PDB file of N, CA and C in Angstrom:
ATOM      1  N   UNK A   1      98.475 118.914 120.330  1.00  0.00           N
ATOM      2  CA  UNK A   1      97.543 120.021 120.224  1.00  0.00           C
ATOM      3  C   UNK A   1      96.490 119.829 121.307  1.00  0.00           C
ATOM      4  N   UNK A   2      96.254 120.864 122.034  1.00  0.00           N
ATOM      5  CA  UNK A   2      95.241 120.819 123.086  1.00  0.00           C
ATOM      6  C   UNK A   2      93.889 121.250 122.520  1.00  0.00           C
ATOM      7  N   UNK A   3      92.862 121.026 123.290  1.00  0.00           N
ATOM      8  CA  UNK A   3      91.520 121.444 122.884  1.00  0.00           C
ATOM      9  C   UNK A   3      91.455 122.957 122.707  1.00  0.00           C
ATOM     10  N   UNK A   4      92.134 123.698 123.583  1.00  0.00           N
ATOM     11  CA  UNK A   4      92.143 125.164 123.473  1.00  0.00           C
ATOM     12  C   UNK A   4      92.799 125.615 122.170  1.00  0.00           C
ATOM     13  N   UNK A   5      93.898 124.960 121.825  1.00  0.00           N
ATOM     14  CA  UNK A   5      94.582 125.310 120.586  1.00  0.00           C
ATOM     15  C   UNK A   5      93.709 124.970 119.372  1.00  0.00           C
ATOM     16  N   UNK A   6      93.014 123.845 119.439  1.00  0.00           N
ATOM     17  CA  UNK A   6      92.116 123.464 118.342  1.00  0.00           C
ATOM     18  C   UNK A   6      90.973 124.469 118.208  1.00  0.00           C
ATOM     19  N   UNK A   7      90.460 124.949 119.328  1.00  0.00           N
ATOM     20  CA  UNK A   7      89.399 125.955 119.297  1.00  0.00           C
ATOM     21  C   UNK A   7      89.903 127.258 118.677  1.00  0.00           C
ATOM     22  N   UNK A   8      91.133 127.651 119.025  1.00  0.00           N
ATOM     23  CA  UNK A   8      91.710 128.862 118.444  1.00  0.00           C
ATOM     24  C   UNK A   8      91.935 128.683 116.944  1.00  0.00           C
ATOM     25  N   UNK A   9      92.362 127.490 116.543  1.00  0.00           N
ATOM     26  CA  UNK A   9      92.541 127.196 115.124  1.00  0.00           C
ATOM     27  C   UNK A   9      91.209 127.310 114.385  1.00  0.00           C
ATOM     28  N   UNK A  10      90.184 126.781 114.983  1.00  0.00           N
ATOM     29  CA  UNK A  10      88.848 126.880 114.402  1.00  0.00           C
ATOM     30  C   UNK A  10      88.417 128.334 114.256  1.00  0.00           C
ATOM     31  N   UNK A  11      88.649 129.129 115.291  1.00  0.00           N
ATOM     32  CA  UNK A  11      88.307 130.553 115.236  1.00  0.00           C
ATOM     33  C   UNK A  11      89.060 131.271 114.116  1.00  0.00           C
ATOM     34  N   UNK A  12      90.290 130.848 113.864  1.00  0.00           N
ATOM     35  CA  UNK A  12      91.094 131.466 112.801  1.00  0.00           C
ATOM     36  C   UNK A  12      90.654 131.033 111.407  1.00  0.00           C
ATOM     37  N   UNK A  13      90.224 129.777 111.273  1.00  0.00           N
ATOM     38  CA  UNK A  13      89.945 129.239 109.942  1.00  0.00           C
ATOM     39  C   UNK A  13      88.499 129.406 109.478  1.00  0.00           C
ATOM     40  N   UNK A  14      87.547 129.398 110.397  1.00  0.00           N
ATOM     41  CA  UNK A  14      86.144 129.519 109.978  1.00  0.00           C
ATOM     42  C   UNK A  14      85.845 130.794 109.184  1.00  0.00           C
ATOM     43  N   UNK A  15      86.478 131.932 109.476  1.00  0.00           N
ATOM     44  CA  UNK A  15      86.216 133.122 108.651  1.00  0.00           C
ATOM     45  C   UNK A  15      86.581 132.934 107.168  1.00  0.00           C
ATOM     46  N   UNK A  16      87.456 131.986 106.861  1.00  0.00           N
ATOM     47  CA  UNK A  16      87.802 131.723 105.458  1.00  0.00           C
ATOM     48  C   UNK A  16      86.590 131.276 104.651  1.00  0.00           C
ATOM     49  N   UNK A  17      85.569 130.756 105.318  1.00  0.00           N
ATOM     50  CA  UNK A  17      84.365 130.340 104.610  1.00  0.00           C
ATOM     51  C   UNK A  17      83.620 131.523 103.999  1.00  0.00           C
ATOM     52  N   UNK A  18      83.958 132.739 104.420  1.00  0.00           N
ATOM     53  CA  UNK A  18      83.336 133.937 103.873  1.00  0.00           C
ATOM     54  C   UNK A  18      84.082 134.465 102.650  1.00  0.00           C
ATOM     55  N   UNK A  19      85.259 133.930 102.372  1.00  0.00           N
ATOM     56  CA  UNK A  19      86.083 134.382 101.250  1.00  0.00           C
ATOM     57  C   UNK A  19      85.689 133.691  99.950  1.00  0.00           C
ATOM     58  N   UNK A  20      86.161 134.236  98.839  1.00  0.00           N
ATOM     59  CA  UNK A  20      85.932 133.597  97.548  1.00  0.00           C
ATOM     60  C   UNK A  20      86.647 132.249  97.481  1.00  0.00           C
ATOM     61  N   UNK A  21      87.874 132.198  97.957  1.00  0.00           N
ATOM     62  CA  UNK A  21      88.609 130.943  98.022  1.00  0.00           C
ATOM     63  C   UNK A  21      88.464 130.412  99.435  1.00  0.00           C
ATOM     64  N   UNK A  22      87.728 129.313  99.570  1.00  0.00           N
ATOM     65  CA  UNK A  22      87.343 128.835 100.889  1.00  0.00           C
ATOM     66  C   UNK A  22      88.078 127.576 101.322  1.00  0.00           C
ATOM     67  N   UNK A  23      88.992 127.086 100.537  1.00  0.00           N
ATOM     68  CA  UNK A  23      89.630 125.816 100.827  1.00  0.00           C
ATOM     69  C   UNK A  23      90.821 125.986 101.757  1.00  0.00           C
ATOM     70  N   UNK A  24      91.034 124.961 102.608  1.00  0.00           N
ATOM     71  CA  UNK A  24      92.144 124.995 103.550  1.00  0.00           C
ATOM     72  C   UNK A  24      92.904 123.679 103.485  1.00  0.00           C
ATOM     73  N   UNK A  25      94.229 123.802 103.450  1.00  0.00           N
ATOM     74  CA  UNK A  25      95.116 122.654 103.621  1.00  0.00           C
ATOM     75  C   UNK A  25      95.850 122.889 104.932  1.00  0.00           C
ATOM     76  N   UNK A  26      95.668 121.969 105.865  1.00  0.00           N
ATOM     77  CA  UNK A  26      96.275 122.089 107.190  1.00  0.00           C
ATOM     78  C   UNK A  26      97.452 121.124 107.272  1.00  0.00           C
ATOM     79  N   UNK A  27      98.653 121.681 107.282  1.00  0.00           N
ATOM     80  CA  UNK A  27      99.864 120.873 107.337  1.00  0.00           C
ATOM     81  C   UNK A  27     100.248 120.681 108.812  1.00  0.00           C
ATOM     82  N   UNK A  28     100.232 119.419 109.237  1.00  0.00           N
ATOM     83  CA  UNK A  28     100.508 119.109 110.642  1.00  0.00           C
ATOM     84  C   UNK A  28     101.881 118.477 110.846  1.00  0.00           C
ATOM     85  N   UNK A  29     102.826 118.775 109.963  1.00  0.00           N
ATOM     86  CA  UNK A  29     104.134 118.125 110.058  1.00  0.00           C
ATOM     87  C   UNK A  29     104.878 118.460 111.346  1.00  0.00           C
ATOM     88  N   UNK A  30     104.573 119.558 111.975  1.00  0.00           N
ATOM     89  CA  UNK A  30     105.258 119.931 113.222  1.00  0.00           C
ATOM     90  C   UNK A  30     104.525 119.445 114.468  1.00  0.00           C
ATOM     91  N   UNK A  31     103.325 118.935 114.296  1.00  0.00           N
ATOM     92  CA  UNK A  31     102.520 118.515 115.443  1.00  0.00           C
ATOM     93  C   UNK A  31     103.002 117.169 115.965  1.00  0.00           C
ATOM     94  N   UNK A  32     103.317 117.128 117.261  1.00  0.00           N
ATOM     95  CA  UNK A  32     103.822 115.901 117.882  1.00  0.00           C
ATOM     96  C   UNK A  32     102.705 115.046 118.466  1.00  0.00           C
ATOM     97  N   UNK A  33     101.652 115.688 118.958  1.00  0.00           N
ATOM     98  CA  UNK A  33     100.545 114.946 119.579  1.00  0.00           C
ATOM     99  C   UNK A  33      99.327 115.846 119.657  1.00  0.00           C
ATOM    100  N   UNK A  34      98.192 115.216 119.926  1.00  0.00           N
ATOM    101  CA  UNK A  34      96.975 115.975 120.176  1.00  0.00           C
ATOM    102  C   UNK A  34      96.085 115.150 121.080  1.00  0.00           C
ATOM    103  N   UNK A  35      95.185 115.823 121.780  1.00  0.00           N
ATOM    104  CA  UNK A  35      94.279 115.070 122.644  1.00  0.00           C
ATOM    105  C   UNK A  35      92.980 114.799 121.890  1.00  0.00           C
ATOM    106  N   UNK A  36      92.141 113.978 122.479  1.00  0.00           N
ATOM    107  CA  UNK A  36      90.931 113.539 121.793  1.00  0.00           C
ATOM    108  C   UNK A  36      89.960 114.693 121.530  1.00  0.00           C
ATOM    109  N   UNK A  37      89.850 115.612 122.454  1.00  0.00           N
ATOM    110  CA  UNK A  37      88.947 116.753 122.248  1.00  0.00           C
ATOM    111  C   UNK A  37      89.441 117.600 121.076  1.00  0.00           C
ATOM    112  N   UNK A  38      90.739 117.820 120.998  1.00  0.00           N
ATOM    113  CA  UNK A  38      91.302 118.574 119.873  1.00  0.00           C
ATOM    114  C   UNK A  38      91.038 117.844 118.560  1.00  0.00           C
ATOM    115  N   UNK A  39      91.195 116.539 118.568  1.00  0.00           N
ATOM    116  CA  UNK A  39      90.947 115.746 117.359  1.00  0.00           C
ATOM    117  C   UNK A  39      89.488 115.872 116.924  1.00  0.00           C
ATOM    118  N   UNK A  40      88.590 115.807 117.886  1.00  0.00           N
ATOM    119  CA  UNK A  40      87.165 115.948 117.562  1.00  0.00           C
ATOM    120  C   UNK A  40      86.859 117.344 117.016  1.00  0.00           C
ATOM    121  N   UNK A  41      87.529 118.354 117.556  1.00  0.00           N
ATOM    122  CA  UNK A  41      87.334 119.721 117.046  1.00  0.00           C
ATOM    123  C   UNK A  41      87.843 119.847 115.609  1.00  0.00           C
ATOM    124  N   UNK A  42      88.950 119.186 115.281  1.00  0.00           N
ATOM    125  CA  UNK A  42      89.439 119.198 113.900  1.00  0.00           C
ATOM    126  C   UNK A  42      88.442 118.544 112.958  1.00  0.00           C
ATOM    127  N   UNK A  43      87.872 117.432 113.391  1.00  0.00           N
ATOM    128  CA  UNK A  43      86.865 116.752 112.570  1.00  0.00           C
ATOM    129  C   UNK A  43      85.659 117.661 112.363  1.00  0.00           C
ATOM    130  N   UNK A  44      85.198 118.311 113.411  1.00  0.00           N
ATOM    131  CA  UNK A  44      84.058 119.228 113.315  1.00  0.00           C
ATOM    132  C   UNK A  44      84.388 120.400 112.390  1.00  0.00           C
ATOM    133  N   UNK A  45      85.602 120.921 112.505  1.00  0.00           N
ATOM    134  CA  UNK A  45      86.031 122.013 111.630  1.00  0.00           C
ATOM    135  C   UNK A  45      86.004 121.569 110.172  1.00  0.00           C
ATOM    136  N   UNK A  46      86.539 120.383 109.919  1.00  0.00           N
ATOM    137  CA  UNK A  46      86.513 119.844 108.552  1.00  0.00           C
ATOM    138  C   UNK A  46      85.080 119.701 108.063  1.00  0.00           C
ATOM    139  N   UNK A  47      84.198 119.194 108.891  1.00  0.00           N
ATOM    140  CA  UNK A  47      82.798 119.032 108.512  1.00  0.00           C
ATOM    141  C   UNK A  47      82.150 120.375 108.192  1.00  0.00           C
ATOM    142  N   UNK A  48      82.484 121.411 108.963  1.00  0.00           N
ATOM    143  CA  UNK A  48      81.954 122.752 108.684  1.00  0.00           C
ATOM    144  C   UNK A  48      82.347 123.209 107.284  1.00  0.00           C
ATOM    145  N   UNK A  49      83.586 122.951 106.901  1.00  0.00           N
ATOM    146  CA  UNK A  49      84.040 123.351 105.570  1.00  0.00           C
ATOM    147  C   UNK A  49      83.284 122.586 104.484  1.00  0.00           C
ATOM    148  N   UNK A  50      83.140 121.283 104.643  1.00  0.00           N
ATOM    149  CA  UNK A  50      82.460 120.501 103.614  1.00  0.00           C
ATOM    150  C   UNK A  50      80.970 120.828 103.538  1.00  0.00           C
ATOM    151  N   UNK A  51      80.361 121.184 104.655  1.00  0.00           N
ATOM    152  CA  UNK A  51      78.958 121.602 104.633  1.00  0.00           C
ATOM    153  C   UNK A  51      78.766 122.883 103.827  1.00  0.00           C
ATOM    154  N   UNK A  52      79.821 123.700 103.734  1.00  0.00           N
ATOM    155  CA  UNK A  52      79.774 124.957 102.978  1.00  0.00           C
ATOM    156  C   UNK A  52      80.403 124.809 101.589  1.00  0.00           C
ATOM    157  N   UNK A  53      80.489 123.568 101.094  1.00  0.00           N
ATOM    158  CA  UNK A  53      81.073 123.277  99.769  1.00  0.00           C
ATOM    159  C   UNK A  53      82.497 123.786  99.635  1.00  0.00           C
ATOM    160  N   UNK A  54      83.267 123.568 100.675  1.00  0.00           N
ATOM    161  CA  UNK A  54      84.677 123.939 100.678  1.00  0.00           C
ATOM    162  C   UNK A  54      85.501 122.721 101.067  1.00  0.00           C
ATOM    163  N   UNK A  55      86.766 122.762 100.705  1.00  0.00           N
ATOM    164  CA  UNK A  55      87.653 121.642 101.020  1.00  0.00           C
ATOM    165  C   UNK A  55      88.475 121.939 102.268  1.00  0.00           C
ATOM    166  N   UNK A  56      88.760 120.890 103.006  1.00  0.00           N
ATOM    167  CA  UNK A  56      89.608 120.963 104.193  1.00  0.00           C
ATOM    168  C   UNK A  56      90.395 119.669 104.240  1.00  0.00           C
ATOM    169  N   UNK A  57      91.678 119.759 103.934  1.00  0.00           N
ATOM    170  CA  UNK A  57      92.522 118.569 103.856  1.00  0.00           C
ATOM    171  C   UNK A  57      93.669 118.707 104.851  1.00  0.00           C
ATOM    172  N   UNK A  58      93.914 117.658 105.604  1.00  0.00           N
ATOM    173  CA  UNK A  58      95.001 117.619 106.569  1.00  0.00           C
ATOM    174  C   UNK A  58      96.134 116.803 105.955  1.00  0.00           C
ATOM    175  N   UNK A  59      97.350 117.325 106.038  1.00  0.00           N
ATOM    176  CA  UNK A  59      98.463 116.607 105.418  1.00  0.00           C
ATOM    177  C   UNK A  59      99.679 116.531 106.335  1.00  0.00           C
ATOM    178  N   UNK A  60     100.572 115.634 105.971  1.00  0.00           N
ATOM    179  CA  UNK A  60     101.895 115.464 106.580  1.00  0.00           C
ATOM    180  C   UNK A  60     101.868 115.216 108.085  1.00  0.00           C
ATOM    181  N   UNK A  61     100.900 114.412 108.523  1.00  0.00           N
ATOM    182  CA  UNK A  61     100.853 114.057 109.941  1.00  0.00           C
ATOM    183  C   UNK A  61     101.981 113.100 110.282  1.00  0.00           C
ATOM    184  N   UNK A  62     102.530 113.260 111.455  1.00  0.00           N
ATOM    185  CA  UNK A  62     103.516 112.313 111.957  1.00  0.00           C
ATOM    186  C   UNK A  62     102.794 111.014 112.342  1.00  0.00           C
ATOM    187  N   UNK A  63     103.519 109.932 112.318  1.00  0.00           N
ATOM    188  CA  UNK A  63     102.949 108.611 112.595  1.00  0.00           C
ATOM    189  C   UNK A  63     102.225 108.538 113.943  1.00  0.00           C
ATOM    190  N   UNK A  64     102.793 109.084 115.038  1.00  0.00           N
ATOM    191  CA  UNK A  64     102.069 109.026 116.317  1.00  0.00           C
ATOM    192  C   UNK A  64     100.719 109.757 116.282  1.00  0.00           C
ATOM    193  N   UNK A  65     100.650 110.858 115.568  1.00  0.00           N
ATOM    194  CA  UNK A  65      99.389 111.597 115.451  1.00  0.00           C
ATOM    195  C   UNK A  65      98.396 110.777 114.644  1.00  0.00           C
ATOM    196  N   UNK A  66      98.860 110.230 113.536  1.00  0.00           N
ATOM    197  CA  UNK A  66      97.998 109.385 112.702  1.00  0.00           C
ATOM    198  C   UNK A  66      97.510 108.166 113.485  1.00  0.00           C
ATOM    199  N   UNK A  67      98.400 107.522 114.205  1.00  0.00           N
ATOM    200  CA  UNK A  67      98.023 106.352 115.006  1.00  0.00           C
ATOM    201  C   UNK A  67      96.998 106.720 116.077  1.00  0.00           C
ATOM    202  N   UNK A  68      97.180 107.891 116.712  1.00  0.00           N
ATOM    203  CA  UNK A  68      96.220 108.316 117.727  1.00  0.00           C
ATOM    204  C   UNK A  68      94.843 108.537 117.108  1.00  0.00           C
ATOM    205  N   UNK A  69      94.800 109.237 115.981  1.00  0.00           N
ATOM    206  CA  UNK A  69      93.511 109.480 115.322  1.00  0.00           C
ATOM    207  C   UNK A  69      92.839 108.172 114.934  1.00  0.00           C
ATOM    208  N   UNK A  70      93.637 107.217 114.510  1.00  0.00           N
ATOM    209  CA  UNK A  70      93.099 105.903 114.168  1.00  0.00           C
ATOM    210  C   UNK A  70      92.560 105.205 115.413  1.00  0.00           C
ATOM    211  N   UNK A  71      93.267 105.319 116.527  1.00  0.00           N
ATOM    212  CA  UNK A  71      92.852 104.640 117.759  1.00  0.00           C
ATOM    213  C   UNK A  71      91.541 105.187 118.324  1.00  0.00           C
ATOM    214  N   UNK A  72      91.232 106.452 118.024  1.00  0.00           N
ATOM    215  CA  UNK A  72      89.968 107.041 118.499  1.00  0.00           C
ATOM    216  C   UNK A  72      88.926 107.087 117.379  1.00  0.00           C
ATOM    217  N   UNK A  73      89.178 106.323 116.324  1.00  0.00           N
ATOM    218  CA  UNK A  73      88.236 106.148 115.206  1.00  0.00           C
ATOM    219  C   UNK A  73      87.879 107.450 114.499  1.00  0.00           C
ATOM    220  N   UNK A  74      88.842 108.353 114.380  1.00  0.00           N
ATOM    221  CA  UNK A  74      88.598 109.614 113.683  1.00  0.00           C
ATOM    222  C   UNK A  74      89.355 109.698 112.357  1.00  0.00           C
ATOM    223  N   UNK A  75      90.410 108.927 112.218  1.00  0.00           N
ATOM    224  CA  UNK A  75      91.229 109.020 111.007  1.00  0.00           C
ATOM    225  C   UNK A  75      90.419 108.712 109.752  1.00  0.00           C
ATOM    226  N   UNK A  76      89.551 107.714 109.832  1.00  0.00           N
ATOM    227  CA  UNK A  76      88.765 107.298 108.667  1.00  0.00           C
ATOM    228  C   UNK A  76      87.809 108.371 108.174  1.00  0.00           C
ATOM    229  N   UNK A  77      87.377 109.250 109.052  1.00  0.00           N
ATOM    230  CA  UNK A  77      86.408 110.269 108.619  1.00  0.00           C
ATOM    231  C   UNK A  77      87.077 111.588 108.254  1.00  0.00           C
ATOM    232  N   UNK A  78      88.404 111.632 108.397  1.00  0.00           N
ATOM    233  CA  UNK A  78      89.135 112.843 108.040  1.00  0.00           C
ATOM    234  C   UNK A  78      89.695 112.718 106.628  1.00  0.00           C
ATOM    235  N   UNK A  79      89.797 113.839 105.970  1.00  0.00           N
ATOM    236  CA  UNK A  79      90.397 113.888 104.641  1.00  0.00           C
ATOM    237  C   UNK A  79      91.878 114.190 104.834  1.00  0.00           C
ATOM    238  N   UNK A  80      92.715 113.142 104.740  1.00  0.00           N
ATOM    239  CA  UNK A  80      94.136 113.292 105.020  1.00  0.00           C
ATOM    240  C   UNK A  80      94.983 112.800 103.849  1.00  0.00           C
ATOM    241  N   UNK A  81      96.163 113.367 103.722  1.00  0.00           N
ATOM    242  CA  UNK A  81      97.127 112.924 102.710  1.00  0.00           C
ATOM    243  C   UNK A  81      98.519 112.889 103.328  1.00  0.00           C
ATOM    244  N   UNK A  82      99.398 112.176 102.649  1.00  0.00           N
ATOM    245  CA  UNK A  82     100.774 112.084 103.120  1.00  0.00           C
ATOM    246  C   UNK A  82     101.554 113.367 102.847  1.00  0.00           C
ATOM    247  N   UNK A  83     101.270 114.012 101.705  1.00  0.00           N
ATOM    248  CA  UNK A  83     102.053 115.179 101.309  1.00  0.00           C
ATOM    249  C   UNK A  83     101.147 116.376 101.031  1.00  0.00           C
ATOM    250  N   UNK A  84     101.755 117.551 101.067  1.00  0.00           N
ATOM    251  CA  UNK A  84     101.023 118.774 100.748  1.00  0.00           C
ATOM    252  C   UNK A  84     100.624 118.790  99.273  1.00  0.00           C
ATOM    253  N   UNK A  85     101.458 118.237  98.425  1.00  0.00           N
ATOM    254  CA  UNK A  85     101.154 118.165  96.999  1.00  0.00           C
ATOM    255  C   UNK A  85      99.883 117.332  96.753  1.00  0.00           C
ATOM    256  N   UNK A  86      99.776 116.211  97.458  1.00  0.00           N
ATOM    257  CA  UNK A  86      98.567 115.389  97.332  1.00  0.00           C
ATOM    258  C   UNK A  86      97.344 116.144  97.850  1.00  0.00           C
ATOM    259  N   UNK A  87      97.524 116.908  98.900  1.00  0.00           N
ATOM    260  CA  UNK A  87      96.414 117.701  99.444  1.00  0.00           C
ATOM    261  C   UNK A  87      95.938 118.722  98.413  1.00  0.00           C
ATOM    262  N   UNK A  88      96.894 119.370  97.731  1.00  0.00           N
ATOM    263  CA  UNK A  88      96.514 120.336  96.691  1.00  0.00           C
ATOM    264  C   UNK A  88      95.773 119.637  95.557  1.00  0.00           C
ATOM    265  N   UNK A  89      96.191 118.437  95.205  1.00  0.00           N
ATOM    266  CA  UNK A  89      95.500 117.672  94.167  1.00  0.00           C
ATOM    267  C   UNK A  89      94.064 117.375  94.570  1.00  0.00           C
ATOM    268  N   UNK A  90      93.859 117.001  95.823  1.00  0.00           N
ATOM    269  CA  UNK A  90      92.504 116.714  96.301  1.00  0.00           C
ATOM    270  C   UNK A  90      91.639 117.960  96.234  1.00  0.00           C
ATOM    271  N   UNK A  91      92.184 119.091  96.669  1.00  0.00           N
ATOM    272  CA  UNK A  91      91.422 120.342  96.616  1.00  0.00           C
ATOM    273  C   UNK A  91      91.023 120.647  95.174  1.00  0.00           C
ATOM    274  N   UNK A  92      91.944 120.500  94.244  1.00  0.00           N
ATOM    275  CA  UNK A  92      91.640 120.757  92.828  1.00  0.00           C
ATOM    276  C   UNK A  92      90.574 119.801  92.309  1.00  0.00           C
ATOM    277  N   UNK A  93      90.689 118.527  92.658  1.00  0.00           N
ATOM    278  CA  UNK A  93      89.683 117.553  92.207  1.00  0.00           C
ATOM    279  C   UNK A  93      88.309 117.863  92.794  1.00  0.00           C
ATOM    280  N   UNK A  94      88.275 118.257  94.057  1.00  0.00           N
ATOM    281  CA  UNK A  94      86.993 118.592  94.679  1.00  0.00           C
ATOM    282  C   UNK A  94      86.393 119.847  94.055  1.00  0.00           C
ATOM    283  N   UNK A  95      87.219 120.810  93.694  1.00  0.00           N
ATOM    284  CA  UNK A  95      86.725 122.011  93.008  1.00  0.00           C
ATOM    285  C   UNK A  95      86.096 121.631  91.657  1.00  0.00           C
ATOM    286  N   UNK A  96      86.781 120.782  90.916  1.00  0.00           N
ATOM    287  CA  UNK A  96      86.250 120.330  89.621  1.00  0.00           C
ATOM    288  C   UNK A  96      84.938 119.583  89.825  1.00  0.00           C
ATOM    289  N   UNK A  97      84.895 118.735  90.830  1.00  0.00           N
ATOM    290  CA  UNK A  97      83.677 117.985  91.131  1.00  0.00           C
ATOM    291  C   UNK A  97      82.524 118.924  91.478  1.00  0.00           C
ATOM    292  N   UNK A  98      82.790 119.940  92.294  1.00  0.00           N
ATOM    293  CA  UNK A  98      81.738 120.900  92.653  1.00  0.00           C
ATOM    294  C   UNK A  98      81.245 121.665  91.436  1.00  0.00           C
ATOM    295  N   UNK A  99      82.170 122.085  90.565  1.00  0.00           N
ATOM    296  CA  UNK A  99      81.785 122.770  89.338  1.00  0.00           C
ATOM    297  C   UNK A  99      80.915 121.880  88.457  1.00  0.00           C
ATOM    298  N   UNK A 100      81.298 120.627  88.347  1.00  0.00           N
ATOM    299  CA  UNK A 100      80.550 119.671  87.535  1.00  0.00           C
ATOM    300  C   UNK A 100      79.136 119.468  88.110  1.00  0.00           C
ATOM    301  N   UNK A 101      79.037 119.312  89.416  1.00  0.00           N
ATOM    302  CA  UNK A 101      77.744 119.093  90.051  1.00  0.00           C
ATOM    303  C   UNK A 101      76.859 120.334  89.965  1.00  0.00           C
ATOM    304  N   UNK A 102      77.456 121.513  89.977  1.00  0.00           N
ATOM    305  CA  UNK A 102      76.678 122.758  89.860  1.00  0.00           C
ATOM    306  C   UNK A 102      76.122 122.951  88.463  1.00  0.00           C
ATOM    307  N   UNK A 103      76.761 122.356  87.455  1.00  0.00           N
ATOM    308  CA  UNK A 103      76.285 122.472  86.073  1.00  0.00           C
ATOM    309  C   UNK A 103      75.075 121.614  85.805  1.00  0.00           C
ATOM    310  N   UNK A 104      74.873 120.591  86.598  1.00  0.00           N
ATOM    311  CA  UNK A 104      73.748 119.667  86.351  1.00  0.00           C
ATOM    312  C   UNK A 104      72.434 120.210  86.823  1.00  0.00           C
TER     313      UNK A 104
END
């Protein structure tokens, strides 16, 4: 994924923050590689979602993509899962957590 593609992805996904359902699961199973600028844009996009009390989970990354993110110290700050099912579980848990925190 290039920086331009990451920027276009951001442009496509940020409007979801205006919807009632604001959570995104980004399945990267087809992605073979990405550059560092694109990786940083994904992290920023994820941060934008969490700042707006929404979930953004990346799932099914190939090993080379995961290794690259780890090598540039971004993997640890990303919300990632091995499977799409696990990503859906995280979104559900975060929704429950937000509801619980809003009740207090």
